[in-house]
Amino acid sequence: MTGKNDALDFRVEKLAVLGDGKWGSRVFHLLTDPERHGGEQPSYSAELVGPLKKPNGDVILSNEGKAVWRDVDRKVLSEADLIFVAIPVKNYRETIRTLSDSINPKAYVVNGSKGCEYDQEARTIRLPHEILRQELQESNRPWIASLCGPNIQHEIERGRATCAEVACWVDPDEPKDWRIKKSYLGFLSNFFSVDQYVVVGNPNIVGVELSGGLKNLFANPSGMFDGFYDTRNAHNTRSTLLALADYDIEFIFKELSREKIGWEVKVPSISGLGDLIATCSSPKSRNYRFGYERGKDFRESAPELYRSAEEICRGIGQVVESINTLESIMHLCEDRGWTDKLLIIPFIYQMVHGKSNVEDVYNVLNELKPRLTRRNELLFLQDLKTYRRKQRGQ
């Protein structure tokens, strides 16, 4: 079995990948293909688990409108030592709640999805690991983790080298927890490091999941510029937007990390900046493709003929996580009065829903000019204050 109580003896004999979409299928193939393991079969057995589907691929729904799961798949989850969850966050809580009584209470549960949901009652967002903590049995909670990074699926399939981060929750008030979780992260990083896929541990699960969700928002306008100009010659505009994105990400990080952890955390390099660059520059990114299609609307259609966000998503044929995440973040900022403190996310929201156009970027930048200037002045004065303090101390 898992051996969690045997002197940090972490091991896996049965793996289950929950979610048989493109990402879940890619991870399953990565972890089970003998060619990815030096020509040898992995030491564990593995199953790919998904809801019942029609021949055309649509999920079969019950009379209550919920996905239907086979008993054999529930049995797989009840016996798995490690469960990798690759479910769209939009359906995350409902799926986990439906299957929670079938999940092995001793299993390691690793989230592989990016995004968040808005909790109207608590007026905050819930990250995937928080949903898992709320819905799973107490015995599972210490072993909830999350895998994020530059994970463009077709590149992983082709064996292109990349790095990702696996993170878990560390209790800041329990010194022994860090020793245990450090070993746990080492085990998980080795387990998921296969072929050209390198995984490193990170004890900052809030930072890893938050950056994994937020970076998707900025792939939308990145694709819009290419879809609108059609020649990929809006590099200055894209770079400016990504620079402003850094400010919005930093602000949300500061506010939410203090709420969820108790102190401010830094944006992770790999699952933050690395994933941001990948998803904003790859035509294979679903979020970029959404933006590209919206940009084509701006270029080819009158405003009254723009497709809805839902129509564009249906045309892509995959879940575009950024749309749900954007809605959640905007709900959060509106409820807390943060909208005016953001630089670019509200404008992205307007473009996603066809209420603003990429040609409005110039006006937006002009409006932001005083705020950007003041921010530069404040940063300079902070650095000057630090310098003078050091000079007085010498």
Protein backbone atom coordinates (compact mmCIF):
# COMPACT_ATOMS: atom_id res chain seq x y z
CA MET A 1 0.00 0.00 0.00
CA THR A 2 1.18 3.59 0.41
CA GLY A 3 3.16 3.30 3.61
CA LYS A 4 2.55 6.90 4.71
CA ASN A 5 3.13 6.09 8.34
CA ASP A 6 6.26 4.05 7.81
CA ALA A 7 9.13 6.53 8.32
CA LEU A 8 8.19 8.65 5.31
CA ASP A 9 8.08 5.63 3.02
CA PHE A 10 6.17 7.10 0.09
CA ARG A 11 5.40 4.72 -2.75
CA VAL A 12 2.80 4.04 -5.43
CA GLU A 13 1.54 0.67 -6.62
CA LYS A 14 -1.68 1.84 -8.32
CA LEU A 15 -2.11 5.12 -10.19
CA ALA A 16 -5.43 6.60 -11.34
CA VAL A 17 -5.72 9.62 -13.64
CA LEU A 18 -9.13 11.20 -13.05
CA GLY A 19 -10.17 13.01 -16.23
CA ASP A 20 -9.82 11.52 -19.71
CA GLY A 21 -9.66 14.78 -21.66
CA LYS A 22 -6.58 15.79 -23.63
CA TRP A 23 -4.52 16.85 -20.61
CA GLY A 24 -5.42 13.84 -18.47
CA SER A 25 -4.75 11.50 -21.40
CA ARG A 26 -1.37 13.14 -22.05
CA VAL A 27 -0.31 12.75 -18.42
CA PHE A 28 -1.50 9.14 -18.39
CA HIS A 29 0.57 8.41 -21.50
CA LEU A 30 3.60 10.20 -20.04
CA LEU A 31 3.47 8.16 -16.83
CA THR A 32 2.75 4.77 -18.43
CA ASP A 33 4.52 4.64 -21.80
CA PRO A 34 7.52 2.26 -21.49
CA GLU A 35 9.47 4.38 -23.99
CA ARG A 36 9.31 7.24 -21.49
CA HIS A 37 10.72 4.93 -18.82
CA GLY A 38 13.84 3.72 -20.60
CA GLY A 39 12.00 0.90 -22.37
CA GLU A 40 10.74 -0.66 -19.14
CA GLN A 41 7.25 -0.94 -17.73
CA PRO A 42 6.60 1.38 -14.75
CA SER A 43 6.63 -0.31 -11.36
CA TYR A 44 2.97 0.63 -10.82
CA SER A 45 -0.29 -0.21 -12.58
CA ALA A 46 -2.38 2.65 -13.97
CA GLU A 47 -5.94 3.41 -15.10
CA LEU A 48 -7.44 6.38 -16.93
CA VAL A 49 -10.85 7.25 -15.46
CA GLY A 50 -13.55 9.37 -17.09
CA PRO A 51 -17.35 9.75 -17.11
CA LEU A 52 -19.58 7.82 -19.49
CA LYS A 53 -19.69 9.41 -22.94
CA LYS A 54 -21.71 9.22 -26.13
CA PRO A 55 -20.04 8.05 -29.38
CA ASN A 56 -19.50 11.72 -30.34
CA GLY A 57 -17.57 12.34 -27.12
CA ASP A 58 -20.27 14.28 -25.23
CA VAL A 59 -20.62 13.38 -21.56
CA ILE A 60 -23.75 11.41 -20.66
CA LEU A 61 -25.77 13.23 -18.00
CA SER A 62 -28.18 11.83 -15.43
CA ASN A 63 -31.71 13.17 -14.91
CA GLU A 64 -30.16 15.56 -12.38
CA GLY A 65 -27.79 16.89 -15.06
CA LYS A 66 -24.68 15.29 -13.55
CA ALA A 67 -22.01 13.15 -15.20
CA VAL A 68 -22.47 9.38 -14.87
CA TRP A 69 -19.58 7.28 -13.49
CA ARG A 70 -19.24 3.54 -13.86
CA ASP A 71 -18.84 1.28 -10.82
CA VAL A 72 -15.61 -0.07 -12.26
CA ASP A 73 -14.13 3.45 -12.33
CA ARG A 74 -15.22 4.08 -8.76
CA LYS A 75 -13.44 0.86 -7.80
CA VAL A 76 -10.25 2.10 -9.49
CA LEU A 77 -10.37 5.28 -7.40
CA SER A 78 -11.00 3.29 -4.21
CA GLU A 79 -7.84 1.22 -4.78
CA ALA A 80 -5.48 3.89 -6.16
CA ASP A 81 -2.49 5.01 -4.11
CA LEU A 82 -2.09 8.19 -6.16
CA ILE A 83 -4.89 10.02 -7.97
CA PHE A 84 -4.02 12.71 -10.52
CA VAL A 85 -7.00 15.03 -11.05
CA ALA A 86 -7.32 16.57 -14.53
CA ILE A 87 -10.86 17.97 -14.50
CA PRO A 88 -11.88 21.46 -15.69
CA VAL A 89 -12.22 23.69 -12.64
CA LYS A 90 -15.70 24.69 -13.80
CA ASN A 91 -16.84 21.11 -12.98
CA TYR A 92 -14.25 20.44 -10.31
CA ARG A 93 -16.23 20.65 -7.08
CA GLU A 94 -19.25 18.78 -8.43
CA THR A 95 -17.08 15.94 -9.74
CA ILE A 96 -15.00 15.58 -6.57
CA ARG A 97 -18.12 15.73 -4.40
CA THR A 98 -19.79 13.03 -6.52
CA LEU A 99 -16.77 10.72 -6.30
CA SER A 100 -15.46 11.57 -2.82
CA ASP A 101 -16.96 8.49 -1.19
CA SER A 102 -15.15 6.32 -3.77
CA ILE A 103 -11.69 7.87 -3.33
CA ASN A 104 -9.19 5.87 -1.30
CA PRO A 105 -8.97 7.71 2.06
CA LYS A 106 -5.21 7.06 2.12
CA ALA A 107 -4.49 8.16 -1.44
CA TYR A 108 -2.15 10.94 -2.46
CA VAL A 109 -4.30 13.36 -4.48
CA VAL A 110 -2.48 15.60 -6.97
CA ASN A 111 -4.35 18.35 -8.77
CA GLY A 112 -3.41 18.99 -12.39
CA SER A 113 -6.01 21.65 -13.25
CA LYS A 114 -5.60 25.43 -13.40
CA GLY A 115 -8.13 28.05 -12.46
CA CYS A 116 -10.41 28.96 -9.57
CA GLU A 117 -14.06 29.22 -8.58
CA TYR A 118 -15.75 32.14 -6.89
CA ASP A 119 -17.19 31.52 -3.43
CA GLN A 120 -20.06 34.01 -3.23
CA GLU A 121 -20.74 33.40 0.47
CA ALA A 122 -17.13 33.88 1.58
CA ARG A 123 -16.45 36.58 -1.06
CA THR A 124 -13.22 34.94 -2.14
CA ILE A 125 -11.89 32.55 -4.76
CA ARG A 126 -11.26 28.88 -4.12
CA LEU A 127 -8.20 27.28 -5.66
CA PRO A 128 -8.22 23.58 -6.66
CA HIS A 129 -6.39 22.40 -3.55
CA GLU A 130 -8.90 24.26 -1.37
CA ILE A 131 -11.81 22.55 -3.13
CA LEU A 132 -10.12 19.20 -2.56
CA ARG A 133 -9.58 19.99 1.12
CA GLN A 134 -13.26 20.88 1.48
CA GLU A 135 -14.64 17.86 -0.36
CA LEU A 136 -12.28 14.97 0.47
CA GLN A 137 -11.96 13.00 3.68
CA GLU A 138 -9.73 14.39 6.39
CA SER A 139 -7.20 11.58 5.93
CA ASN A 140 -6.57 12.73 2.33
CA ARG A 141 -6.00 16.39 3.19
CA PRO A 142 -2.32 16.28 4.26
CA TRP A 143 -1.45 14.64 0.93
CA ILE A 144 -3.16 17.05 -1.43
CA ALA A 145 -0.71 18.51 -3.94
CA SER A 146 -0.76 20.39 -7.23
CA LEU A 147 1.26 20.16 -10.46
CA CYS A 148 1.65 23.33 -12.56
CA GLY A 149 4.07 24.67 -15.13
CA PRO A 150 4.59 25.32 -18.82
CA ASN A 151 2.54 22.29 -19.93
CA ILE A 152 1.74 22.78 -23.62
CA GLN A 153 0.37 19.30 -24.25
CA HIS A 154 1.61 18.50 -27.75
CA GLU A 155 5.16 19.50 -26.78
CA ILE A 156 5.14 17.13 -23.82
CA GLU A 157 3.80 14.41 -26.12
CA ARG A 158 6.74 15.02 -28.47
CA GLY A 159 9.29 14.85 -25.68
CA ARG A 160 10.30 18.53 -25.67
CA ALA A 161 12.19 19.40 -22.49
CA THR A 162 10.27 21.43 -19.92
CA CYS A 163 10.07 22.04 -16.20
CA ALA A 164 7.04 22.10 -13.90
CA GLU A 165 6.46 22.52 -10.18
CA VAL A 166 4.65 20.25 -7.75
CA ALA A 167 3.46 21.92 -4.56
CA CYS A 168 1.66 21.03 -1.36
CA TRP A 169 0.39 22.72 1.78
CA VAL A 170 2.85 23.14 4.64
CA ASP A 171 1.46 24.01 8.06
CA PRO A 172 3.39 27.15 9.12
CA ASP A 173 2.63 26.52 12.79
CA GLU A 174 3.91 22.94 12.86
CA PRO A 175 7.73 22.61 12.45
CA LYS A 176 7.56 18.83 11.90
CA ASP A 177 5.22 19.30 8.96
CA TRP A 178 7.96 20.90 6.87
CA ARG A 179 10.25 17.86 7.30
CA ILE A 180 7.44 15.53 6.22
CA LYS A 181 6.30 17.66 3.30
CA LYS A 182 9.85 18.20 2.08
CA SER A 183 10.19 14.43 1.72
CA TYR A 184 6.74 14.20 0.16
CA LEU A 185 7.56 16.84 -2.45
CA GLY A 186 10.80 15.03 -3.22
CA PHE A 187 8.85 11.83 -3.79
CA LEU A 188 6.30 13.55 -6.04
CA SER A 189 8.93 15.41 -8.05
CA ASN A 190 10.72 12.13 -8.76
CA PHE A 191 7.47 10.34 -9.59
CA PHE A 192 6.36 12.92 -12.17
CA SER A 193 9.83 13.56 -13.63
CA VAL A 194 9.70 11.34 -16.71
CA ASP A 195 11.70 11.52 -19.94
CA GLN A 196 12.19 15.23 -20.78
CA TYR A 197 9.64 16.37 -18.18
CA VAL A 198 11.44 17.71 -15.11
CA VAL A 199 9.43 18.45 -11.97
CA VAL A 200 10.73 20.38 -8.96
CA GLY A 201 9.15 20.71 -5.53
CA ASN A 202 7.67 23.95 -4.20
CA PRO A 203 6.09 24.27 -0.72
CA ASN A 204 4.07 27.30 -1.89
CA ILE A 205 0.87 25.66 -3.20
CA VAL A 206 -1.12 28.89 -3.02
CA GLY A 207 1.45 30.69 -5.18
CA VAL A 208 1.74 27.83 -7.66
CA GLU A 209 -2.01 27.42 -8.18
CA LEU A 210 -2.74 31.13 -8.16
CA SER A 211 -0.12 31.86 -10.82
CA GLY A 212 -1.27 28.83 -12.85
CA GLY A 213 -4.77 30.28 -13.01
CA LEU A 214 -3.96 33.98 -13.43
CA LYS A 215 -1.49 33.58 -16.28
CA ASN A 216 -4.27 32.20 -18.51
CA LEU A 217 -6.05 35.56 -18.44
CA PHE A 218 -3.26 37.23 -20.37
CA ALA A 219 -3.09 34.65 -23.14
CA ASN A 220 -6.47 35.90 -24.37
CA PRO A 221 -5.31 39.40 -25.41
CA SER A 222 -2.00 37.98 -26.62
CA GLY A 223 -3.95 35.88 -29.11
CA MET A 224 -6.25 38.80 -29.90
CA PHE A 225 -3.39 40.94 -31.19
CA ASP A 226 -2.29 38.20 -33.58
CA GLY A 227 -5.85 37.49 -34.69
CA PHE A 228 -6.52 41.17 -35.32
CA TYR A 229 -3.28 42.17 -37.03
CA ASP A 230 -2.97 38.78 -38.75
CA THR A 231 0.78 39.12 -39.25
CA ARG A 232 2.10 38.57 -35.71
CA ASN A 233 3.62 42.05 -35.68
CA ALA A 234 2.18 43.36 -32.42
CA HIS A 235 5.14 42.35 -30.25
CA ASN A 236 5.43 45.79 -28.63
CA THR A 237 1.75 45.76 -27.70
CA ARG A 238 1.94 42.23 -26.30
CA SER A 239 5.08 43.00 -24.30
CA THR A 240 3.47 46.11 -22.83
CA LEU A 241 0.42 44.15 -21.80
CA LEU A 242 2.49 41.43 -20.15
CA ALA A 243 4.43 44.07 -18.22
CA LEU A 244 1.14 45.48 -16.93
CA ALA A 245 -0.05 41.95 -16.20
CA ASP A 246 2.85 41.65 -13.78
CA TYR A 247 1.39 44.49 -11.72
CA ASP A 248 -2.09 42.94 -11.55
CA ILE A 249 -0.71 39.51 -10.68
CA GLU A 250 1.46 41.02 -7.96
CA PHE A 251 -1.50 42.91 -6.47
CA ILE A 252 -3.77 39.85 -6.39
CA PHE A 253 -0.94 37.71 -5.01
CA LYS A 254 -0.33 40.17 -2.18
CA GLU A 255 -3.97 40.39 -1.17
CA LEU A 256 -4.90 36.70 -1.47
CA SER A 257 -1.71 35.21 -0.04
CA ARG A 258 -2.09 37.31 3.11
CA GLU A 259 -5.67 36.05 3.39
CA LYS A 260 -4.96 32.39 2.68
CA ILE A 261 -1.54 31.95 4.30
CA GLY A 262 -0.96 34.93 6.55
CA TRP A 263 1.94 36.51 4.70
CA GLU A 264 2.82 37.71 1.21
CA VAL A 265 4.27 35.12 -1.15
CA LYS A 266 6.31 35.66 -4.29
CA VAL A 267 5.16 34.71 -7.77
CA PRO A 268 6.88 31.38 -8.64
CA SER A 269 9.35 31.53 -11.52
CA ILE A 270 8.41 28.31 -13.33
CA SER A 271 4.65 28.03 -12.75
CA GLY A 272 4.38 31.81 -12.83
CA LEU A 273 6.63 33.57 -15.34
CA GLY A 274 7.49 30.39 -17.27
CA ASP A 275 3.87 29.34 -17.72
CA LEU A 276 2.87 32.92 -18.55
CA ILE A 277 5.36 33.09 -21.43
CA ALA A 278 4.34 29.67 -22.75
CA THR A 279 0.59 30.19 -22.78
CA CYS A 280 0.86 33.73 -24.18
CA SER A 281 3.07 32.73 -27.10
CA SER A 282 1.88 29.29 -28.20
CA PRO A 283 -0.87 28.92 -30.84
CA LYS A 284 -1.50 25.50 -29.26
CA SER A 285 -2.65 27.13 -26.03
CA ARG A 286 -6.45 27.02 -25.76
CA ASN A 287 -6.47 30.42 -24.09
CA TYR A 288 -4.34 31.92 -26.86
CA ARG A 289 -6.60 30.34 -29.47
CA PHE A 290 -9.65 31.89 -27.84
CA GLY A 291 -7.98 35.28 -28.09
CA TYR A 292 -6.99 34.67 -31.71
CA GLU A 293 -10.60 33.91 -32.62
CA ARG A 294 -11.83 37.00 -30.80
CA GLY A 295 -9.19 39.05 -32.63
CA LYS A 296 -10.52 37.75 -35.96
CA ASP A 297 -13.96 38.99 -34.92
CA PHE A 298 -12.49 42.43 -34.29
CA ARG A 299 -10.84 42.40 -37.72
CA GLU A 300 -13.58 40.85 -39.85
CA SER A 301 -16.96 41.59 -38.25
CA ALA A 302 -19.12 44.48 -37.14
CA PRO A 303 -19.50 44.68 -33.33
CA GLU A 304 -23.10 43.43 -33.46
CA LEU A 305 -21.86 40.27 -35.23
CA TYR A 306 -19.14 39.36 -32.73
CA ARG A 307 -19.45 35.81 -31.45
CA SER A 308 -20.17 35.29 -27.77
CA ALA A 309 -17.44 33.85 -25.55
CA GLU A 310 -19.46 30.63 -25.35
CA GLU A 311 -19.62 30.33 -29.16
CA ILE A 312 -15.86 30.73 -29.50
CA CYS A 313 -15.27 28.10 -26.80
CA ARG A 314 -17.57 25.65 -28.57
CA GLY A 315 -15.65 26.21 -31.79
CA ILE A 316 -12.34 25.43 -30.06
CA GLY A 317 -13.87 22.20 -28.77
CA GLN A 318 -12.02 22.25 -25.44
CA VAL A 319 -12.53 23.90 -22.08
CA VAL A 320 -10.95 27.37 -22.07
CA GLU A 321 -10.14 27.76 -18.38
CA SER A 322 -9.32 31.46 -18.63
CA ILE A 323 -12.97 32.39 -19.20
CA ASN A 324 -14.18 30.88 -15.93
CA THR A 325 -11.12 32.23 -14.08
CA LEU A 326 -11.67 35.72 -15.48
CA GLU A 327 -15.30 35.70 -14.31
CA SER A 328 -14.21 34.58 -10.82
CA ILE A 329 -11.48 37.22 -10.54
CA MET A 330 -13.81 39.99 -11.72
CA HIS A 331 -16.46 38.90 -9.18
CA LEU A 332 -13.81 39.01 -6.47
CA CYS A 333 -12.49 42.43 -7.43
CA GLU A 334 -15.96 43.96 -7.79
CA ASP A 335 -17.11 42.60 -4.42
CA ARG A 336 -13.99 43.88 -2.66
CA GLY A 337 -13.67 47.20 -4.47
CA TRP A 338 -10.40 46.26 -6.14
CA THR A 339 -11.40 46.93 -9.74
CA ASP A 340 -9.92 50.44 -9.79
CA LYS A 341 -6.67 49.12 -8.34
CA LEU A 342 -6.06 46.81 -11.31
CA LEU A 343 -4.37 48.04 -14.45
CA ILE A 344 -5.35 45.70 -17.26
CA ILE A 345 -7.65 42.84 -16.17
CA PRO A 346 -10.89 44.88 -16.44
CA PHE A 347 -9.93 45.84 -20.02
CA ILE A 348 -9.23 42.19 -20.85
CA TYR A 349 -12.69 41.31 -19.52
CA GLN A 350 -14.25 43.90 -21.84
CA MET A 351 -12.37 42.53 -24.87
CA VAL A 352 -13.18 38.90 -24.07
CA HIS A 353 -16.88 39.78 -24.16
CA GLY A 354 -16.58 41.97 -27.26
CA LYS A 355 -17.30 45.24 -25.46
CA SER A 356 -13.88 46.73 -26.22
CA ASN A 357 -11.50 46.26 -29.14
CA VAL A 358 -7.73 45.85 -29.41
CA GLU A 359 -7.72 49.26 -31.09
CA ASP A 360 -8.71 50.71 -27.70
CA VAL A 361 -5.32 49.75 -26.21
CA TYR A 362 -3.83 53.17 -27.00
CA ASN A 363 -6.56 54.97 -25.07
CA VAL A 364 -6.21 52.57 -22.14
CA LEU A 365 -2.45 53.15 -21.96
CA ASN A 366 -2.95 56.91 -22.03
CA GLU A 367 -5.42 56.67 -19.17
CA LEU A 368 -2.93 54.57 -17.19
CA LYS A 369 -0.03 56.96 -17.81
CA PRO A 370 -0.40 58.96 -14.54
CA ARG A 371 -0.74 55.79 -12.45
CA LEU A 372 2.26 54.15 -14.09
CA THR A 373 4.34 57.29 -13.60
CA ARG A 374 3.37 57.52 -9.93
CA ARG A 375 4.17 53.85 -9.41
CA ASN A 376 7.65 54.34 -10.87
CA GLU A 377 8.21 57.32 -8.56
CA LEU A 378 7.13 55.33 -5.50
CA LEU A 379 9.42 52.42 -6.39
CA PHE A 380 12.33 54.81 -6.82
CA LEU A 381 11.63 56.52 -3.49
CA GLN A 382 11.44 53.15 -1.73
CA ASP A 383 14.82 52.14 -3.17
CA LEU A 384 16.27 55.53 -2.24
CA LYS A 385 14.98 55.18 1.30
CA THR A 386 16.58 51.73 1.60
CA TYR A 387 19.88 53.05 0.23
CA ARG A 388 19.99 55.96 2.68
CA ARG A 389 19.17 53.67 5.60
CA LYS A 390 22.10 51.45 4.68
CA GLN A 391 24.37 54.46 4.29
CA ARG A 392 23.51 55.69 7.79
CA GLY A 393 24.21 52.23 9.19
CA GLN A 394 27.77 52.07 7.80
